[in-house]
C-alpha cells in the first residue's frame, strides 16, 4: 500500500500558466459564473511575468503573484493568485488572496492548507500583518477556513464599481475633452 503523495507548493512559472488558466475557468464553473470568466493565458502571463512576452522596453514589476500546489510529477493541482494591499492604519502591506483553488481530485491532500500556509509564511517573513480574501457565502470551504483560525469580516461590506457605472464616474475625473491617454 502506498501512502498518498503530499503536494508541494512553489512560485508559479510561465509553463504553469495554461494549467492555472484552466483551473480559474474550473473555479468560475464551480462558482456558477462561467460566462463571467474571460481570463486568457496571454493575460495571466502578462500579469505574472511582465517581461515574459518579450519586447525591447523593460516591464514594470509584476502586480500579481502566484503559487501552485504540484503533485509528484510537478503538475499543478491547485493555485493561489495574490497581490499586495496596504493598511493605512497598520502602516504595512498585507496579502490579498484573489483566488485559491484546488482541483477536486486533489482535495483532501493538504494542497489548500499548504497554499495558505505559504502565503502566511510570506506575510510573517516580510512583516505583513494580514492575509485576507473573500469567499462566496455558500462555499463549503468556510469550515476549513474556520479550522485554521480565519474569521469572517461581517462588519465590512464589499462594494464594486464596474461596467457603465465605472465609466460614468471616470468621465468625471477631468474636465470634458482633456482626458489623457494614460
Protein backbone atom coordinates (compact mmCIF):
# COMPACT_ATOMS: atom_id res chain seq x y z
CA UNK A 1 0.00 0.00 0.00
CA UNK A 2 1.40 3.35 -0.99
CA UNK A 3 0.87 6.42 1.10
CA UNK A 4 -0.72 9.44 -0.56
CA UNK A 5 1.74 11.87 -2.03
CA UNK A 6 1.85 15.17 -0.20
CA UNK A 7 1.80 18.05 -2.66
CA UNK A 8 4.43 20.76 -2.61
CA UNK A 9 3.99 24.47 -3.20
CA UNK A 10 6.24 26.68 -5.29
CA UNK A 11 6.02 30.01 -7.11
CA UNK A 12 4.19 29.76 -10.42
CA UNK A 13 6.35 29.53 -13.54
CA UNK A 14 5.47 30.55 -17.09
CA UNK A 15 4.91 26.91 -18.05
CA UNK A 16 2.23 26.66 -15.31
CA UNK A 17 0.07 29.37 -16.89
CA UNK A 18 -2.12 27.10 -19.08
CA UNK A 19 -2.94 24.87 -16.08
CA UNK A 20 -3.69 27.86 -13.86
CA UNK A 21 -5.93 29.44 -16.52
CA UNK A 22 -7.79 26.12 -16.87
CA UNK A 23 -8.26 25.97 -13.09
CA UNK A 24 -9.51 29.58 -12.99
CA UNK A 25 -12.16 28.54 -15.51
CA UNK A 26 -12.95 25.46 -13.39
CA UNK A 27 -13.37 27.77 -10.39
CA UNK A 28 -15.74 30.01 -12.36
CA UNK A 29 -17.78 26.95 -13.31
CA UNK A 30 -17.85 25.85 -9.65
CA UNK A 31 -19.00 29.33 -8.60
CA UNK A 32 -21.80 29.15 -11.19
CA UNK A 33 -20.42 32.01 -13.27
CA UNK A 34 -18.54 30.50 -16.22
CA UNK A 35 -19.82 33.21 -18.58
CA UNK A 36 -18.11 35.86 -16.45
CA UNK A 37 -14.63 34.33 -16.72
CA UNK A 38 -12.63 35.60 -19.69
CA UNK A 39 -9.03 35.04 -18.50
CA UNK A 40 -6.57 34.01 -21.22
CA UNK A 41 -3.09 32.59 -20.96
CA UNK A 42 -1.70 35.77 -22.52
CA UNK A 43 -3.39 37.94 -19.88
CA UNK A 44 -2.15 35.83 -16.99
CA UNK A 45 1.35 35.60 -18.42
CA UNK A 46 1.47 39.37 -18.82
CA UNK A 47 0.25 39.91 -15.25
CA UNK A 48 2.52 37.37 -13.55
CA UNK A 49 5.60 37.69 -15.77
CA UNK A 50 5.60 41.14 -17.41
CA UNK A 51 8.87 40.56 -19.24
CA UNK A 52 7.95 37.07 -20.48
CA UNK A 53 6.09 38.33 -23.55
CA UNK A 54 9.18 39.95 -24.97
CA UNK A 55 9.67 43.46 -26.19
CA UNK A 56 12.59 45.85 -26.03
CA UNK A 57 11.47 48.02 -23.15
CA UNK A 58 11.72 46.86 -19.56
CA UNK A 59 8.40 45.99 -17.99
CA UNK A 60 7.27 47.06 -14.56
CA UNK A 61 7.45 44.64 -11.68
CA UNK A 62 4.50 42.27 -11.55
CA UNK A 63 1.46 43.40 -9.59
CA UNK A 64 0.09 39.84 -9.40
CA UNK A 65 1.85 36.88 -7.85
CA UNK A 66 1.06 33.20 -7.98
CA UNK A 67 1.90 29.95 -6.29
CA UNK A 68 0.96 26.46 -7.40
CA UNK A 69 0.49 23.25 -5.47
CA UNK A 70 2.03 20.48 -7.53
CA UNK A 71 1.87 16.71 -7.47
CA UNK A 72 4.79 14.27 -7.53
CA UNK A 73 5.21 14.93 -11.27
CA UNK A 74 5.41 18.72 -10.74
CA UNK A 75 1.98 19.16 -12.34
CA UNK A 76 -0.21 21.93 -10.88
CA UNK A 77 -3.17 20.63 -8.88
CA UNK A 78 -4.06 23.92 -7.20
CA UNK A 79 -3.13 27.57 -7.21
CA UNK A 80 -3.21 30.81 -5.27
CA UNK A 81 -3.17 34.16 -7.10
CA UNK A 82 -2.50 37.15 -4.87
CA UNK A 83 -1.32 40.73 -4.70
CA UNK A 84 -0.20 43.20 -2.09
CA UNK A 85 -2.57 45.53 -0.34
CA UNK A 86 -1.72 48.19 2.24
CA UNK A 87 -3.25 49.02 5.59
CA UNK A 88 -3.03 52.74 6.30
CA UNK A 89 -3.91 52.03 9.93
CA UNK A 90 -1.22 49.38 10.44
CA UNK A 91 1.22 51.15 8.12
CA UNK A 92 2.31 47.93 6.41
CA UNK A 93 1.44 45.76 3.44
CA UNK A 94 -0.63 42.63 3.55
CA UNK A 95 -1.58 39.97 1.06
CA UNK A 96 -4.95 39.88 -0.66
CA UNK A 97 -5.68 36.40 -1.96
CA UNK A 98 -7.67 36.86 -5.16
CA UNK A 99 -8.29 33.17 -5.81
CA UNK A 100 -7.39 29.86 -4.25
CA UNK A 101 -8.45 26.66 -5.95
CA UNK A 102 -7.59 23.00 -5.64
CA UNK A 103 -8.81 20.56 -8.25
CA UNK A 104 -11.50 18.20 -6.90
CA UNK A 105 -9.26 15.14 -7.40
CA UNK A 106 -6.60 16.75 -5.18
CA UNK A 107 -8.86 17.94 -2.37
CA UNK A 108 -8.03 16.38 0.96
CA UNK A 109 -4.32 16.14 0.10
CA UNK A 110 -3.42 19.24 2.11
CA UNK A 111 -2.81 21.34 -1.01
CA UNK A 112 -5.15 24.15 0.08
CA UNK A 113 -3.64 24.31 3.56
CA UNK A 114 -0.12 24.36 2.07
CA UNK A 115 -1.01 27.19 -0.30
CA UNK A 116 -2.43 29.27 2.56
CA UNK A 117 0.49 28.36 4.82
CA UNK A 118 2.90 29.55 2.12
CA UNK A 119 1.15 32.92 1.92
CA UNK A 120 1.06 33.16 5.72
CA UNK A 121 4.81 32.48 5.76
CA UNK A 122 5.41 35.26 3.23
CA UNK A 123 3.40 37.61 5.46
CA UNK A 124 5.35 36.68 8.58
CA UNK A 125 8.78 36.83 6.90
CA UNK A 126 8.06 40.23 5.31
CA UNK A 127 6.39 41.78 8.35
CA UNK A 128 2.94 41.94 6.74
CA UNK A 129 0.09 41.95 9.25
CA UNK A 130 -2.77 40.47 7.22
CA UNK A 131 -3.73 37.74 4.81
CA UNK A 132 -7.22 38.48 3.50
CA UNK A 133 -9.65 37.07 0.95
CA UNK A 134 -13.32 36.97 0.03
CA UNK A 135 -15.35 33.81 -0.22
CA UNK A 136 -18.73 33.25 -1.81
CA UNK A 137 -21.20 32.74 1.04
CA UNK A 138 -22.27 29.19 0.14
CA UNK A 139 -18.76 27.78 -0.29
CA UNK A 140 -18.26 24.73 1.96
CA UNK A 141 -14.62 25.85 2.46
CA UNK A 142 -15.91 28.09 5.27
CA UNK A 143 -15.42 25.20 7.69
CA UNK A 144 -11.84 24.71 6.54
CA UNK A 145 -11.10 28.42 6.87
CA UNK A 146 -12.54 28.45 10.39
CA UNK A 147 -10.39 25.42 11.29
CA UNK A 148 -7.21 27.37 10.54
CA UNK A 149 -8.36 30.38 12.57
CA UNK A 150 -9.66 32.62 9.77
CA UNK A 151 -12.52 34.87 10.79
CA UNK A 152 -15.26 36.26 8.55
CA UNK A 153 -15.32 40.05 8.45
CA UNK A 154 -19.06 40.59 8.61
CA UNK A 155 -18.85 44.23 9.66
CA UNK A 156 -17.21 45.25 6.36
CA UNK A 157 -19.41 45.42 3.28
CA UNK A 158 -17.72 44.95 -0.09
CA UNK A 159 -18.52 47.43 -2.85
CA UNK A 160 -17.78 47.18 -6.54
CA UNK A 161 -17.83 49.75 -9.31
CA UNK A 162 -17.79 48.23 -12.81
CA UNK A 163 -19.30 48.46 -16.28
CA UNK A 164 -21.29 51.57 -17.16
CA UNK A 165 -21.14 52.94 -13.59
CA UNK A 166 -17.33 52.75 -13.66
CA UNK A 167 -17.21 54.58 -16.99
CA UNK A 168 -19.77 57.16 -15.87
CA UNK A 169 -17.65 58.03 -12.84
CA UNK A 170 -14.40 58.01 -14.84
CA UNK A 171 -15.59 60.79 -17.13
CA UNK A 172 -15.90 62.99 -14.06
CA UNK A 173 -12.16 62.72 -13.35
CA UNK A 174 -11.15 65.50 -15.72
CA UNK A 175 -12.98 68.32 -17.44
CA UNK A 176 -14.56 67.16 -20.69
CA UNK A 177 -12.16 66.98 -23.59
CA UNK A 178 -8.96 66.97 -21.50
CA UNK A 179 -8.75 63.25 -20.73
CA UNK A 180 -5.24 61.90 -21.11
CA UNK A 181 -4.41 58.60 -22.80
CA UNK A 182 -2.73 57.10 -19.67
